[in-house]
Amino acid sequence: MTVRGFMKMVGVIVMTMAAMALVSGCDNGGGSSDKGGSSAGSVVGEWAMVNQTDGGQTWWKFNADGTFVQYNDAGFSSQHLAGTFTQDGTTVTGPFTNPGVGTGEIDCTLSSDGKTMQMDFVEFWHDPPKHNPINGTKL
């Protein structure tokens, strides 16, 4: 093998490794199919949330399978509502159902480190829909 042939082969290997790094980086980078993943800014986990309008506190669990549940208690035993979500970078959105009341959606912005969140909790059963500002801290 010539030096020129060897350098071409090294170049191909380096380019292939760079392409593989870019593709594998998308798995945790927050694409539209990201359900939280394992990135540092992932929403997946347990959260303490405070309604900025009335001071009410709730606890939320965002699961790696793209589902979430809101609880009335810090012990995560009294389920209030449930929904699904997608995460794209620091944006988390998704619909929910509040049994016996109606449907709504969440529209959240995570801090870059994933430790705090600002949520717009939208209740569609009001006319016009009611927007509740909620702040959260990851537990």
N, C-alpha and C. Protein backbone atom coordinates (compact mmCIF):
# COMPACT_ATOMS: atom_id res chain seq x y z
N MET A 1 0.85 -1.17 0.00
CA MET A 1 0.00 0.00 0.00
C MET A 1 0.90 1.24 0.00
N THR A 2 0.54 2.20 -0.82
CA THR A 2 1.31 3.44 -0.91
C THR A 2 0.91 4.37 0.23
N VAL A 3 1.74 5.37 0.46
CA VAL A 3 1.45 6.37 1.49
C VAL A 3 0.16 7.11 1.11
N ARG A 4 0.02 7.41 -0.15
CA ARG A 4 -1.19 8.11 -0.61
C ARG A 4 -2.44 7.26 -0.37
N GLY A 5 -2.36 5.96 -0.67
CA GLY A 5 -3.48 5.05 -0.43
C GLY A 5 -3.80 4.94 1.05
N PHE A 6 -2.77 4.89 1.87
CA PHE A 6 -2.95 4.82 3.32
C PHE A 6 -3.65 6.08 3.83
N MET A 7 -3.24 7.25 3.36
CA MET A 7 -3.84 8.50 3.79
C MET A 7 -5.31 8.59 3.36
N LYS A 8 -5.64 8.09 2.18
CA LYS A 8 -7.04 8.08 1.74
C LYS A 8 -7.87 7.20 2.67
N MET A 9 -7.31 6.01 3.02
CA MET A 9 -8.03 5.10 3.91
C MET A 9 -8.23 5.75 5.29
N VAL A 10 -7.24 6.42 5.82
CA VAL A 10 -7.36 7.12 7.10
C VAL A 10 -8.43 8.20 7.00
N GLY A 11 -8.43 8.93 5.89
CA GLY A 11 -9.44 9.97 5.69
C GLY A 11 -10.85 9.41 5.68
N VAL A 12 -11.03 8.29 5.00
CA VAL A 12 -12.35 7.65 4.96
C VAL A 12 -12.77 7.19 6.36
N ILE A 13 -11.86 6.63 7.11
CA ILE A 13 -12.16 6.17 8.47
C ILE A 13 -12.54 7.35 9.36
N VAL A 14 -11.80 8.44 9.28
CA VAL A 14 -12.09 9.62 10.10
C VAL A 14 -13.46 10.19 9.73
N MET A 15 -13.77 10.29 8.45
CA MET A 15 -15.06 10.82 8.01
C MET A 15 -16.20 9.91 8.47
N THR A 16 -16.00 8.60 8.39
CA THR A 16 -17.01 7.65 8.84
C THR A 16 -17.25 7.79 10.34
N MET A 17 -16.18 7.93 11.11
CA MET A 17 -16.34 8.08 12.56
C MET A 17 -17.05 9.40 12.89
N ALA A 18 -16.74 10.46 12.18
CA ALA A 18 -17.41 11.74 12.43
C ALA A 18 -18.89 11.64 12.11
N ALA A 19 -19.24 10.98 11.01
CA ALA A 19 -20.65 10.81 10.65
C ALA A 19 -21.37 9.98 11.71
N MET A 20 -20.73 8.93 12.20
CA MET A 20 -21.35 8.09 13.22
C MET A 20 -21.56 8.88 14.51
N ALA A 21 -20.63 9.74 14.87
CA ALA A 21 -20.78 10.56 16.08
C ALA A 21 -21.94 11.52 15.93
N LEU A 22 -22.11 12.11 14.76
CA LEU A 22 -23.22 13.02 14.54
C LEU A 22 -24.56 12.30 14.63
N VAL A 23 -24.65 11.14 14.01
CA VAL A 23 -25.90 10.38 14.01
C VAL A 23 -26.23 9.88 15.41
N SER A 24 -25.25 9.32 16.12
CA SER A 24 -25.54 8.81 17.46
C SER A 24 -25.84 9.96 18.41
N GLY A 25 -25.32 11.15 18.18
CA GLY A 25 -25.62 12.30 19.02
C GLY A 25 -27.07 12.70 18.95
N CYS A 26 -27.76 12.38 17.88
CA CYS A 26 -29.16 12.74 17.75
C CYS A 26 -30.05 11.94 18.69
N ASP A 27 -29.61 10.80 19.15
CA ASP A 27 -30.44 9.98 20.03
C ASP A 27 -30.78 10.69 21.33
N ASN A 28 -29.87 11.51 21.84
CA ASN A 28 -30.10 12.19 23.11
C ASN A 28 -30.18 13.70 22.96
N GLY A 29 -30.15 14.19 21.76
CA GLY A 29 -30.05 15.61 21.54
C GLY A 29 -31.36 16.35 21.57
N GLY A 30 -32.49 15.69 21.70
CA GLY A 30 -33.74 16.40 21.82
C GLY A 30 -34.48 16.59 20.53
N GLY A 31 -34.37 15.67 19.59
CA GLY A 31 -35.15 15.75 18.36
C GLY A 31 -36.62 15.60 18.66
N SER A 32 -37.47 15.76 17.66
CA SER A 32 -38.90 15.74 17.89
C SER A 32 -39.40 14.39 18.41
N SER A 33 -38.64 13.32 18.21
CA SER A 33 -39.07 12.03 18.73
C SER A 33 -38.49 11.75 20.11
N ASP A 34 -37.72 12.68 20.65
CA ASP A 34 -37.10 12.50 21.95
C ASP A 34 -38.17 12.44 23.04
N LYS A 35 -38.17 11.40 23.83
CA LYS A 35 -39.11 11.25 24.94
C LYS A 35 -38.41 11.56 26.25
N GLY A 36 -37.43 12.39 26.22
CA GLY A 36 -36.70 12.72 27.43
C GLY A 36 -35.26 12.25 27.34
N GLY A 37 -35.04 11.03 26.87
CA GLY A 37 -33.70 10.52 26.68
C GLY A 37 -32.88 10.57 27.95
N SER A 38 -31.57 10.56 27.78
CA SER A 38 -30.70 10.60 28.94
C SER A 38 -29.83 11.85 28.95
N SER A 39 -30.18 12.84 28.15
CA SER A 39 -29.39 14.06 28.11
C SER A 39 -29.53 14.83 29.43
N ALA A 40 -28.54 15.69 29.70
CA ALA A 40 -28.51 16.42 30.97
C ALA A 40 -29.76 17.27 31.17
N GLY A 41 -30.34 17.80 30.08
CA GLY A 41 -31.51 18.65 30.19
C GLY A 41 -32.82 17.92 30.02
N SER A 42 -32.85 16.65 30.29
CA SER A 42 -34.06 15.85 30.10
C SER A 42 -35.13 16.18 31.13
N VAL A 43 -36.38 16.20 30.69
CA VAL A 43 -37.51 16.42 31.59
C VAL A 43 -37.84 15.17 32.41
N VAL A 44 -37.36 14.01 31.99
CA VAL A 44 -37.70 12.76 32.66
C VAL A 44 -37.29 12.81 34.12
N GLY A 45 -38.25 12.49 34.99
CA GLY A 45 -37.99 12.48 36.42
C GLY A 45 -39.17 13.05 37.19
N GLU A 46 -38.95 13.31 38.47
CA GLU A 46 -40.00 13.83 39.36
C GLU A 46 -39.79 15.32 39.59
N TRP A 47 -40.92 16.04 39.64
CA TRP A 47 -40.89 17.49 39.73
C TRP A 47 -41.85 17.99 40.81
N ALA A 48 -41.44 19.03 41.54
CA ALA A 48 -42.32 19.77 42.44
C ALA A 48 -42.72 21.04 41.69
N MET A 49 -44.04 21.27 41.55
CA MET A 49 -44.54 22.38 40.74
C MET A 49 -45.39 23.32 41.59
N VAL A 50 -45.30 24.63 41.32
CA VAL A 50 -46.08 25.63 42.05
C VAL A 50 -46.81 26.51 41.05
N ASN A 51 -48.14 26.57 41.20
CA ASN A 51 -48.97 27.43 40.37
C ASN A 51 -48.70 28.88 40.78
N GLN A 52 -48.30 29.70 39.81
CA GLN A 52 -47.93 31.08 40.12
C GLN A 52 -49.15 31.98 40.34
N THR A 53 -50.35 31.50 40.02
CA THR A 53 -51.56 32.28 40.22
C THR A 53 -52.13 32.11 41.62
N ASP A 54 -52.23 30.84 42.07
CA ASP A 54 -52.88 30.59 43.36
C ASP A 54 -51.95 29.97 44.41
N GLY A 55 -50.70 29.68 44.05
CA GLY A 55 -49.75 29.12 45.01
C GLY A 55 -49.92 27.63 45.26
N GLY A 56 -50.88 27.01 44.56
CA GLY A 56 -51.10 25.57 44.75
C GLY A 56 -49.90 24.75 44.30
N GLN A 57 -49.61 23.69 45.05
CA GLN A 57 -48.47 22.84 44.72
C GLN A 57 -48.95 21.47 44.28
N THR A 58 -48.31 20.96 43.22
CA THR A 58 -48.56 19.61 42.73
C THR A 58 -47.22 18.95 42.45
N TRP A 59 -47.24 17.66 42.21
CA TRP A 59 -46.03 16.90 41.94
C TRP A 59 -46.25 16.14 40.64
N TRP A 60 -45.26 16.15 39.80
CA TRP A 60 -45.36 15.58 38.46
C TRP A 60 -44.27 14.54 38.26
N LYS A 61 -44.62 13.52 37.47
CA LYS A 61 -43.64 12.50 37.09
C LYS A 61 -43.66 12.39 35.57
N PHE A 62 -42.52 12.71 34.94
CA PHE A 62 -42.35 12.56 33.50
C PHE A 62 -41.55 11.29 33.26
N ASN A 63 -42.11 10.37 32.48
CA ASN A 63 -41.52 9.06 32.27
C ASN A 63 -40.80 8.97 30.93
N ALA A 64 -39.80 8.09 30.86
CA ALA A 64 -38.99 7.92 29.65
C ALA A 64 -39.82 7.45 28.46
N ASP A 65 -41.00 6.88 28.69
CA ASP A 65 -41.84 6.40 27.59
C ASP A 65 -42.70 7.51 26.98
N GLY A 66 -42.52 8.76 27.42
CA GLY A 66 -43.27 9.88 26.86
C GLY A 66 -44.61 10.12 27.52
N THR A 67 -44.81 9.60 28.71
CA THR A 67 -46.04 9.85 29.46
C THR A 67 -45.72 10.69 30.69
N PHE A 68 -46.73 11.40 31.20
CA PHE A 68 -46.56 12.12 32.45
C PHE A 68 -47.82 11.99 33.28
N VAL A 69 -47.66 12.16 34.60
CA VAL A 69 -48.77 12.09 35.54
C VAL A 69 -48.61 13.24 36.53
N GLN A 70 -49.71 13.91 36.83
CA GLN A 70 -49.72 14.94 37.88
C GLN A 70 -50.35 14.33 39.12
N TYR A 71 -49.71 14.54 40.27
CA TYR A 71 -50.18 14.01 41.55
C TYR A 71 -50.53 15.16 42.49
N ASN A 72 -51.45 14.87 43.40
CA ASN A 72 -51.86 15.85 44.41
C ASN A 72 -50.99 15.82 45.65
N ASP A 73 -50.10 14.83 45.76
CA ASP A 73 -49.32 14.67 46.98
C ASP A 73 -47.86 14.37 46.66
N ALA A 74 -46.98 14.73 47.59
CA ALA A 74 -45.54 14.52 47.41
C ALA A 74 -45.16 13.05 47.42
N GLY A 75 -46.04 12.19 47.88
CA GLY A 75 -45.77 10.76 47.88
C GLY A 75 -46.09 10.09 46.55
N PHE A 76 -46.57 10.87 45.58
CA PHE A 76 -46.91 10.38 44.25
C PHE A 76 -47.92 9.22 44.30
N SER A 77 -48.93 9.35 45.18
CA SER A 77 -49.92 8.28 45.29
C SER A 77 -51.32 8.71 44.86
N SER A 78 -51.61 10.01 44.84
CA SER A 78 -52.94 10.50 44.51
C SER A 78 -52.92 11.16 43.12
N GLN A 79 -53.15 10.31 42.10
CA GLN A 79 -53.09 10.79 40.71
C GLN A 79 -54.23 11.74 40.39
N HIS A 80 -53.91 12.85 39.74
CA HIS A 80 -54.91 13.84 39.37
C HIS A 80 -55.23 13.81 37.87
N LEU A 81 -54.18 13.82 37.03
CA LEU A 81 -54.38 13.78 35.58
C LEU A 81 -53.18 13.14 34.92
N ALA A 82 -53.32 12.82 33.64
CA ALA A 82 -52.24 12.15 32.91
C ALA A 82 -52.23 12.62 31.46
N GLY A 83 -51.06 12.51 30.85
CA GLY A 83 -50.93 12.89 29.45
C GLY A 83 -49.67 12.32 28.83
N THR A 84 -49.39 12.81 27.63
CA THR A 84 -48.19 12.40 26.91
C THR A 84 -47.40 13.66 26.54
N PHE A 85 -46.11 13.48 26.24
CA PHE A 85 -45.28 14.63 25.90
C PHE A 85 -44.22 14.26 24.88
N THR A 86 -43.71 15.28 24.23
CA THR A 86 -42.49 15.17 23.44
C THR A 86 -41.56 16.27 23.91
N GLN A 87 -40.27 16.01 23.78
CA GLN A 87 -39.26 17.00 24.15
C GLN A 87 -38.40 17.29 22.95
N ASP A 88 -38.23 18.57 22.65
CA ASP A 88 -37.35 19.02 21.58
C ASP A 88 -36.42 20.06 22.19
N GLY A 89 -35.24 19.63 22.56
CA GLY A 89 -34.30 20.53 23.25
C GLY A 89 -34.84 20.90 24.61
N THR A 90 -35.07 22.19 24.83
CA THR A 90 -35.59 22.65 26.12
C THR A 90 -37.10 22.87 26.09
N THR A 91 -37.76 22.47 25.01
CA THR A 91 -39.21 22.62 24.89
C THR A 91 -39.90 21.27 25.10
N VAL A 92 -40.89 21.27 25.98
CA VAL A 92 -41.67 20.06 26.27
C VAL A 92 -43.14 20.42 26.07
N THR A 93 -43.84 19.64 25.24
CA THR A 93 -45.26 19.91 24.97
C THR A 93 -46.03 18.60 24.96
N GLY A 94 -47.34 18.71 25.21
CA GLY A 94 -48.18 17.53 25.10
C GLY A 94 -49.57 17.72 25.66
N PRO A 95 -50.48 16.87 25.22
CA PRO A 95 -51.87 16.91 25.69
C PRO A 95 -52.05 16.13 26.98
N PHE A 96 -53.14 16.45 27.70
CA PHE A 96 -53.48 15.67 28.89
C PHE A 96 -54.99 15.57 29.00
N THR A 97 -55.43 14.62 29.83
CA THR A 97 -56.85 14.46 30.15
C THR A 97 -57.00 14.56 31.65
N ASN A 98 -57.93 15.42 32.07
CA ASN A 98 -58.29 15.56 33.48
C ASN A 98 -59.64 14.85 33.61
N PRO A 99 -59.66 13.60 34.12
CA PRO A 99 -60.89 12.80 34.14
C PRO A 99 -62.07 13.53 34.77
N GLY A 100 -63.18 13.50 34.07
CA GLY A 100 -64.40 14.12 34.57
C GLY A 100 -64.46 15.63 34.40
N VAL A 101 -63.38 16.22 33.88
CA VAL A 101 -63.32 17.67 33.73
C VAL A 101 -63.12 18.07 32.28
N GLY A 102 -62.08 17.53 31.65
CA GLY A 102 -61.82 17.88 30.26
C GLY A 102 -60.38 17.62 29.86
N THR A 103 -59.98 18.27 28.76
CA THR A 103 -58.65 18.08 28.23
C THR A 103 -57.88 19.39 28.26
N GLY A 104 -56.59 19.29 28.05
CA GLY A 104 -55.74 20.47 28.02
C GLY A 104 -54.40 20.13 27.42
N GLU A 105 -53.46 21.03 27.60
CA GLU A 105 -52.10 20.79 27.11
C GLU A 105 -51.10 21.50 28.01
N ILE A 106 -49.88 21.01 27.95
CA ILE A 106 -48.77 21.67 28.63
C ILE A 106 -47.81 22.18 27.57
N ASP A 107 -47.22 23.33 27.84
CA ASP A 107 -46.20 23.92 26.99
C ASP A 107 -45.11 24.42 27.93
N CYS A 108 -43.99 23.71 27.97
CA CYS A 108 -42.96 23.97 28.97
C CYS A 108 -41.64 24.39 28.34
N THR A 109 -40.90 25.17 29.11
CA THR A 109 -39.53 25.51 28.76
C THR A 109 -38.64 25.11 29.92
N LEU A 110 -37.66 24.24 29.63
CA LEU A 110 -36.71 23.80 30.65
C LEU A 110 -35.50 24.72 30.66
N SER A 111 -34.89 24.85 31.84
CA SER A 111 -33.59 25.51 31.89
C SER A 111 -32.60 24.60 31.15
N SER A 112 -31.49 25.16 30.71
CA SER A 112 -30.54 24.38 29.92
C SER A 112 -29.97 23.19 30.69
N ASP A 113 -29.92 23.27 32.02
CA ASP A 113 -29.41 22.15 32.81
C ASP A 113 -30.52 21.16 33.20
N GLY A 114 -31.77 21.49 32.84
CA GLY A 114 -32.89 20.58 33.12
C GLY A 114 -33.33 20.54 34.56
N LYS A 115 -32.95 21.51 35.39
CA LYS A 115 -33.29 21.47 36.81
C LYS A 115 -34.52 22.29 37.16
N THR A 116 -34.90 23.23 36.30
CA THR A 116 -36.10 24.04 36.53
C THR A 116 -36.91 24.11 35.25
N MET A 117 -38.19 24.44 35.39
CA MET A 117 -39.07 24.53 34.24
C MET A 117 -40.11 25.60 34.46
N GLN A 118 -40.53 26.21 33.37
CA GLN A 118 -41.68 27.11 33.36
C GLN A 118 -42.72 26.45 32.47
N MET A 119 -43.94 26.31 32.99
CA MET A 119 -45.00 25.61 32.27
C MET A 119 -46.19 26.52 32.06
N ASP A 120 -46.77 26.44 30.87
CA ASP A 120 -48.07 27.03 30.59
C ASP A 120 -49.04 25.85 30.60
N PHE A 121 -49.86 25.77 31.63
CA PHE A 121 -50.82 24.68 31.81
C PHE A 121 -52.16 25.19 31.28
N VAL A 122 -52.59 24.67 30.15
CA VAL A 122 -53.76 25.20 29.45
C VAL A 122 -54.96 24.28 29.67
N GLU A 123 -56.05 24.85 30.19
CA GLU A 123 -57.29 24.10 30.45
C GLU A 123 -58.30 24.44 29.36
N PHE A 124 -58.56 23.48 28.46
CA PHE A 124 -59.48 23.71 27.34
C PHE A 124 -60.95 23.70 27.76
N TRP A 125 -61.27 23.26 28.98
CA TRP A 125 -62.66 23.20 29.39
C TRP A 125 -63.21 24.59 29.76
N HIS A 126 -62.35 25.60 29.78
CA HIS A 126 -62.80 26.98 29.97
C HIS A 126 -62.95 27.65 28.60
N ASP A 127 -63.83 28.65 28.51
CA ASP A 127 -64.02 29.37 27.26
C ASP A 127 -63.86 30.85 27.52
N PRO A 128 -62.77 31.47 27.13
CA PRO A 128 -61.65 30.91 26.37
C PRO A 128 -60.77 30.02 27.26
N PRO A 129 -59.90 29.22 26.65
CA PRO A 129 -59.03 28.34 27.44
C PRO A 129 -58.25 29.13 28.49
N LYS A 130 -58.15 28.54 29.68
CA LYS A 130 -57.45 29.17 30.80
C LYS A 130 -55.98 28.77 30.79
N HIS A 131 -55.09 29.76 30.93
CA HIS A 131 -53.65 29.52 30.97
C HIS A 131 -53.16 29.74 32.40
N ASN A 132 -52.52 28.71 32.95
CA ASN A 132 -51.99 28.77 34.31
C ASN A 132 -50.47 28.74 34.25
N PRO A 133 -49.80 29.78 34.75
CA PRO A 133 -48.32 29.75 34.79
C PRO A 133 -47.85 28.93 35.98
N ILE A 134 -47.01 27.94 35.70
CA ILE A 134 -46.54 27.04 36.75
C ILE A 134 -45.02 26.94 36.66
N ASN A 135 -44.34 27.04 37.79
CA ASN A 135 -42.89 26.88 37.85
C ASN A 135 -42.57 25.56 38.55
N GLY A 136 -41.52 24.90 38.08
CA GLY A 136 -41.16 23.62 38.66
C GLY A 136 -39.68 23.48 38.95
N THR A 137 -39.40 22.59 39.91
CA THR A 137 -38.03 22.24 40.28
C THR A 137 -37.91 20.73 40.24
N LYS A 138 -36.90 20.23 39.57
CA LYS A 138 -36.69 18.78 39.49
C LYS A 138 -36.22 18.28 40.85
N LEU A 139 -36.83 17.18 41.29
CA LEU A 139 -36.48 16.61 42.60
C LEU A 139 -35.27 15.70 42.49
